Structure formats: C-alpha cells, structure tokens
Amino acid sequence: MTKADIVNEIARQTGIEKITVLKTVESFMDAVKNSMINNQNVYLRGFGSFVVRTRAEKTARNISKNTTLVIPAHAIPSFKPSKSFAAKVKQIPPEQVKADDKDVD
C-alpha cells in the first residue's frame, strides 16, 4: 500500500477531501520524522512505536579490495508494532503473504 492508497482509503472512509487528507498524512509523517531526528520516540497506543535504536560498532570486509573496515556505531529508525497489532498480523497464513512482500534478507 502506498501513501496515495492510504490517502484514498482515508478519504473514502471519512468523506474528507483527498487534498486535506494528503496534507494531514504528510504532516503526521513529518512529525514522526522530526521527532526521531531529535532523538524522541513516538508511541501510538494500539499501533506501535517508532523508536531510535543504536547499532553497535562492527567490523566489515570489502571482499573486492580484500580489506577490513570499521563501521562506527550509529542510530537508526525502527518500528516496533504493538502486541495486539503483531498478534493480528501473525494470524495471516504464510501462503497468503505476497511473494514480493516476503523478507528477502
């Protein structure tokens, strides 16, 4: 689902004009991004939390140059779903998950 799909769905459900919904959705995303950039987590009860996590320093290898490099510790944005949200998603049978949406790590 894209941002445009979300805007269309909210506009359909609420009867609010799409342009107003788009501004609201973009304002929400800006608020979340700005909070996380300022190292503040965002908690949405029943949905989940947008949190800033720290990745530890690690050593990596550049195989093509046969060298070792150090990747410094750094902050990354992360989303942690609420327990109720995660439980509902877990009920989806694996065969119903779209192939292009599966984890490819």
N, C-alpha and C. Protein backbone atom coordinates (compact mmCIF):
# COMPACT_ATOMS: atom_id res chain seq x y z
N MET A 1 0.85 -1.17 0.00
CA MET A 1 0.00 0.00 0.00
C MET A 1 0.90 1.24 0.00
N THR A 2 0.63 2.16 -0.90
CA THR A 2 1.43 3.38 -0.99
C THR A 2 0.76 4.51 -0.23
N LYS A 3 1.47 5.63 -0.12
CA LYS A 3 0.89 6.80 0.55
C LYS A 3 -0.39 7.23 -0.17
N ALA A 4 -0.39 7.19 -1.50
CA ALA A 4 -1.58 7.56 -2.27
C ALA A 4 -2.75 6.63 -1.95
N ASP A 5 -2.47 5.33 -1.80
CA ASP A 5 -3.51 4.37 -1.44
C ASP A 5 -4.08 4.69 -0.05
N ILE A 6 -3.21 5.04 0.88
CA ILE A 6 -3.65 5.38 2.23
C ILE A 6 -4.54 6.62 2.19
N VAL A 7 -4.11 7.64 1.44
CA VAL A 7 -4.89 8.87 1.32
C VAL A 7 -6.26 8.56 0.72
N ASN A 8 -6.30 7.77 -0.34
CA ASN A 8 -7.57 7.41 -0.98
C ASN A 8 -8.48 6.66 -0.02
N GLU A 9 -7.93 5.73 0.75
CA GLU A 9 -8.74 4.93 1.68
C GLU A 9 -9.30 5.81 2.80
N ILE A 10 -8.48 6.69 3.35
CA ILE A 10 -8.96 7.58 4.43
C ILE A 10 -10.03 8.52 3.89
N ALA A 11 -9.79 9.07 2.70
CA ALA A 11 -10.78 9.98 2.10
C ALA A 11 -12.10 9.25 1.85
N ARG A 12 -12.02 8.01 1.39
CA ARG A 12 -13.23 7.22 1.14
C ARG A 12 -13.99 6.94 2.43
N GLN A 13 -13.25 6.56 3.48
CA GLN A 13 -13.89 6.21 4.75
C GLN A 13 -14.47 7.41 5.49
N THR A 14 -13.82 8.56 5.36
CA THR A 14 -14.24 9.72 6.15
C THR A 14 -15.04 10.75 5.37
N GLY A 15 -14.95 10.74 4.04
CA GLY A 15 -15.63 11.74 3.24
C GLY A 15 -14.89 13.06 3.18
N ILE A 16 -13.68 13.11 3.72
CA ILE A 16 -12.85 14.32 3.69
C ILE A 16 -12.15 14.38 2.34
N GLU A 17 -11.95 15.60 1.83
CA GLU A 17 -11.29 15.76 0.53
C GLU A 17 -9.89 15.18 0.56
N LYS A 18 -9.48 14.61 -0.57
CA LYS A 18 -8.17 13.96 -0.66
C LYS A 18 -7.03 14.92 -0.36
N ILE A 19 -7.12 16.16 -0.81
CA ILE A 19 -6.04 17.12 -0.58
C ILE A 19 -5.86 17.39 0.91
N THR A 20 -6.96 17.44 1.65
CA THR A 20 -6.90 17.66 3.10
C THR A 20 -6.29 16.44 3.79
N VAL A 21 -6.70 15.26 3.35
CA VAL A 21 -6.16 14.02 3.91
C VAL A 21 -4.67 13.93 3.61
N LEU A 22 -4.27 14.27 2.38
CA LEU A 22 -2.86 14.22 2.00
C LEU A 22 -2.03 15.14 2.89
N LYS A 23 -2.50 16.36 3.12
CA LYS A 23 -1.78 17.29 4.00
C LYS A 23 -1.67 16.73 5.41
N THR A 24 -2.73 16.10 5.89
CA THR A 24 -2.72 15.52 7.23
C THR A 24 -1.74 14.36 7.33
N VAL A 25 -1.76 13.47 6.34
CA VAL A 25 -0.85 12.32 6.34
C VAL A 25 0.60 12.79 6.25
N GLU A 26 0.87 13.76 5.39
CA GLU A 26 2.24 14.28 5.27
C GLU A 26 2.67 15.00 6.54
N SER A 27 1.76 15.71 7.19
CA SER A 27 2.08 16.37 8.47
C SER A 27 2.40 15.34 9.54
N PHE A 28 1.64 14.24 9.57
CA PHE A 28 1.90 13.17 10.52
C PHE A 28 3.29 12.58 10.29
N MET A 29 3.60 12.30 9.02
CA MET A 29 4.91 11.71 8.71
C MET A 29 6.03 12.68 9.06
N ASP A 30 5.84 13.97 8.80
CA ASP A 30 6.85 14.97 9.16
C ASP A 30 7.04 15.03 10.67
N ALA A 31 5.94 14.95 11.42
CA ALA A 31 6.04 14.99 12.88
C ALA A 31 6.82 13.79 13.42
N VAL A 32 6.56 12.62 12.86
CA VAL A 32 7.27 11.41 13.28
C VAL A 32 8.76 11.53 12.93
N LYS A 33 9.05 11.94 11.68
CA LYS A 33 10.45 12.08 11.26
C LYS A 33 11.19 13.10 12.11
N ASN A 34 10.57 14.27 12.33
CA ASN A 34 11.24 15.31 13.11
C ASN A 34 11.47 14.88 14.56
N SER A 35 10.52 14.17 15.13
CA SER A 35 10.70 13.67 16.49
C SER A 35 11.87 12.71 16.56
N MET A 36 11.95 11.80 15.59
CA MET A 36 13.03 10.81 15.61
C MET A 36 14.38 11.46 15.32
N ILE A 37 14.41 12.46 14.43
CA ILE A 37 15.65 13.18 14.16
C ILE A 37 16.15 13.87 15.44
N ASN A 38 15.20 14.29 16.28
CA ASN A 38 15.54 14.93 17.55
C ASN A 38 15.67 13.91 18.68
N ASN A 39 15.83 12.64 18.32
CA ASN A 39 16.05 11.54 19.27
C ASN A 39 14.88 11.37 20.25
N GLN A 40 13.67 11.59 19.75
CA GLN A 40 12.47 11.38 20.57
C GLN A 40 11.66 10.25 19.93
N ASN A 41 11.30 9.27 20.72
CA ASN A 41 10.50 8.16 20.23
C ASN A 41 9.04 8.59 20.12
N VAL A 42 8.28 7.92 19.25
CA VAL A 42 6.87 8.22 19.06
C VAL A 42 6.08 6.96 19.40
N TYR A 43 5.16 7.08 20.36
CA TYR A 43 4.38 5.94 20.83
C TYR A 43 2.91 6.12 20.43
N LEU A 44 2.37 5.17 19.67
CA LEU A 44 0.98 5.20 19.26
C LEU A 44 0.29 3.96 19.82
N ARG A 45 -0.43 4.14 20.92
CA ARG A 45 -1.06 3.02 21.61
C ARG A 45 -1.97 2.24 20.67
N GLY A 46 -1.83 0.93 20.67
CA GLY A 46 -2.63 0.05 19.83
C GLY A 46 -2.07 -0.12 18.43
N PHE A 47 -1.06 0.66 18.07
CA PHE A 47 -0.45 0.56 16.74
C PHE A 47 1.00 0.14 16.84
N GLY A 48 1.80 0.94 17.53
CA GLY A 48 3.21 0.60 17.68
C GLY A 48 4.03 1.82 18.04
N SER A 49 5.34 1.63 18.04
CA SER A 49 6.27 2.69 18.43
C SER A 49 7.33 2.88 17.35
N PHE A 50 7.58 4.13 17.04
CA PHE A 50 8.69 4.49 16.17
C PHE A 50 9.82 4.88 17.12
N VAL A 51 10.89 4.10 17.13
CA VAL A 51 11.96 4.32 18.10
C VAL A 51 13.31 4.47 17.41
N VAL A 52 14.18 5.21 18.07
CA VAL A 52 15.55 5.36 17.58
C VAL A 52 16.38 4.29 18.28
N ARG A 53 17.00 3.44 17.49
CA ARG A 53 17.85 2.37 18.04
C ARG A 53 19.31 2.67 17.70
N THR A 54 20.20 2.08 18.48
CA THR A 54 21.63 2.26 18.25
C THR A 54 22.22 0.96 17.73
N ARG A 55 22.92 1.05 16.63
CA ARG A 55 23.66 -0.10 16.12
C ARG A 55 25.08 -0.01 16.65
N ALA A 56 25.59 -1.10 17.16
CA ALA A 56 26.94 -1.13 17.71
C ALA A 56 27.98 -1.05 16.59
N GLU A 57 29.17 -0.63 16.96
CA GLU A 57 30.28 -0.62 16.01
C GLU A 57 30.57 -2.05 15.58
N LYS A 58 30.91 -2.21 14.29
CA LYS A 58 31.23 -3.56 13.83
C LYS A 58 32.31 -3.51 12.75
N THR A 59 32.94 -4.64 12.57
CA THR A 59 33.97 -4.77 11.55
C THR A 59 33.36 -5.46 10.34
N ALA A 60 33.64 -4.90 9.16
CA ALA A 60 33.12 -5.48 7.93
C ALA A 60 34.27 -5.71 6.96
N ARG A 61 34.00 -6.47 5.90
CA ARG A 61 35.05 -6.75 4.91
C ARG A 61 34.59 -6.29 3.55
N ASN A 62 35.50 -5.66 2.83
CA ASN A 62 35.28 -5.33 1.43
C ASN A 62 35.96 -6.44 0.64
N ILE A 63 35.20 -7.37 0.15
CA ILE A 63 35.74 -8.56 -0.50
C ILE A 63 36.49 -8.21 -1.78
N SER A 64 35.98 -7.24 -2.55
CA SER A 64 36.64 -6.92 -3.82
C SER A 64 38.03 -6.33 -3.62
N LYS A 65 38.24 -5.58 -2.52
CA LYS A 65 39.56 -5.00 -2.25
C LYS A 65 40.34 -5.79 -1.20
N ASN A 66 39.71 -6.80 -0.63
CA ASN A 66 40.30 -7.63 0.41
C ASN A 66 40.81 -6.77 1.59
N THR A 67 39.93 -5.87 2.04
CA THR A 67 40.28 -5.00 3.16
C THR A 67 39.23 -5.11 4.26
N THR A 68 39.61 -4.72 5.44
CA THR A 68 38.70 -4.68 6.58
C THR A 68 38.42 -3.23 6.91
N LEU A 69 37.17 -2.94 7.22
CA LEU A 69 36.84 -1.59 7.63
C LEU A 69 35.93 -1.63 8.84
N VAL A 70 35.97 -0.54 9.60
CA VAL A 70 35.17 -0.45 10.81
C VAL A 70 33.96 0.44 10.51
N ILE A 71 32.79 -0.09 10.77
CA ILE A 71 31.57 0.70 10.64
C ILE A 71 31.25 1.21 12.04
N PRO A 72 31.27 2.54 12.23
CA PRO A 72 31.06 3.09 13.57
C PRO A 72 29.64 2.87 14.07
N ALA A 73 29.47 2.96 15.38
CA ALA A 73 28.14 2.87 15.98
C ALA A 73 27.30 4.02 15.43
N HIS A 74 26.02 3.75 15.19
CA HIS A 74 25.16 4.79 14.65
C HIS A 74 23.70 4.52 15.03
N ALA A 75 22.89 5.58 14.96
CA ALA A 75 21.47 5.48 15.27
C ALA A 75 20.70 5.14 14.00
N ILE A 76 19.63 4.35 14.15
CA ILE A 76 18.76 4.02 13.02
C ILE A 76 17.31 4.11 13.47
N PRO A 77 16.39 4.49 12.57
CA PRO A 77 14.97 4.49 12.93
C PRO A 77 14.44 3.06 12.89
N SER A 78 13.49 2.78 13.76
CA SER A 78 12.93 1.44 13.82
C SER A 78 11.45 1.53 14.19
N PHE A 79 10.67 0.53 13.80
CA PHE A 79 9.26 0.46 14.17
C PHE A 79 9.03 -0.83 14.93
N LYS A 80 8.37 -0.72 16.07
CA LYS A 80 8.02 -1.90 16.86
C LYS A 80 6.50 -1.93 16.99
N PRO A 81 5.85 -2.92 16.37
CA PRO A 81 4.38 -2.99 16.44
C PRO A 81 3.91 -3.31 17.86
N SER A 82 2.69 -2.85 18.17
CA SER A 82 2.11 -3.18 19.48
C SER A 82 1.82 -4.68 19.52
N LYS A 83 1.65 -5.21 20.71
CA LYS A 83 1.39 -6.65 20.85
C LYS A 83 0.11 -7.06 20.13
N SER A 84 -0.94 -6.24 20.24
CA SER A 84 -2.21 -6.60 19.59
C SER A 84 -2.09 -6.55 18.07
N PHE A 85 -1.37 -5.56 17.55
CA PHE A 85 -1.16 -5.44 16.11
C PHE A 85 -0.33 -6.62 15.60
N ALA A 86 0.76 -6.93 16.28
CA ALA A 86 1.62 -8.04 15.87
C ALA A 86 0.85 -9.36 15.91
N ALA A 87 0.00 -9.53 16.92
CA ALA A 87 -0.78 -10.77 17.03
C ALA A 87 -1.74 -10.93 15.85
N LYS A 88 -2.35 -9.83 15.41
CA LYS A 88 -3.26 -9.91 14.26
C LYS A 88 -2.51 -10.23 12.97
N VAL A 89 -1.34 -9.65 12.81
CA VAL A 89 -0.55 -9.93 11.60
C VAL A 89 -0.07 -11.38 11.60
N LYS A 90 0.25 -11.93 12.77
CA LYS A 90 0.71 -13.32 12.85
C LYS A 90 -0.37 -14.30 12.43
N GLN A 91 -1.63 -13.88 12.44
CA GLN A 91 -2.72 -14.77 12.07
C GLN A 91 -2.83 -14.97 10.56
N ILE A 92 -2.10 -14.16 9.76
CA ILE A 92 -2.14 -14.30 8.31
C ILE A 92 -1.39 -15.58 7.93
N PRO A 93 -2.03 -16.50 7.21
CA PRO A 93 -1.33 -17.72 6.80
C PRO A 93 -0.17 -17.37 5.86
N PRO A 94 0.98 -18.04 6.02
CA PRO A 94 2.16 -17.74 5.20
C PRO A 94 1.88 -17.80 3.69
N GLU A 95 1.00 -18.71 3.26
CA GLU A 95 0.74 -18.84 1.83
C GLU A 95 -0.05 -17.64 1.28
N GLN A 96 -0.63 -16.82 2.15
CA GLN A 96 -1.37 -15.64 1.70
C GLN A 96 -0.49 -14.39 1.61
N VAL A 97 0.73 -14.47 2.13
CA VAL A 97 1.64 -13.34 2.05
C VAL A 97 2.17 -13.26 0.63
N LYS A 98 2.09 -12.05 0.04
CA LYS A 98 2.55 -11.87 -1.34
C LYS A 98 4.04 -12.15 -1.44
N ALA A 99 4.45 -12.76 -2.55
CA ALA A 99 5.85 -13.14 -2.74
C ALA A 99 6.78 -11.94 -2.68
N ASP A 100 6.37 -10.79 -3.25
CA ASP A 100 7.25 -9.63 -3.25
C ASP A 100 7.30 -8.92 -1.92
N ASP A 101 6.45 -9.30 -0.97
CA ASP A 101 6.44 -8.69 0.35
C ASP A 101 7.18 -9.52 1.40
N LYS A 102 7.64 -10.71 1.02
CA LYS A 102 8.33 -11.57 1.98
C LYS A 102 9.73 -11.04 2.26
N ASP A 103 10.22 -11.32 3.44
CA ASP A 103 11.58 -10.92 3.82
C ASP A 103 12.57 -11.59 2.90
N VAL A 104 13.52 -10.83 2.36
CA VAL A 104 14.49 -11.40 1.44
C VAL A 104 15.89 -11.36 2.03
N ASP A 105 16.00 -11.05 3.31
CA ASP A 105 17.33 -10.93 3.94
C ASP A 105 18.08 -12.16 3.80
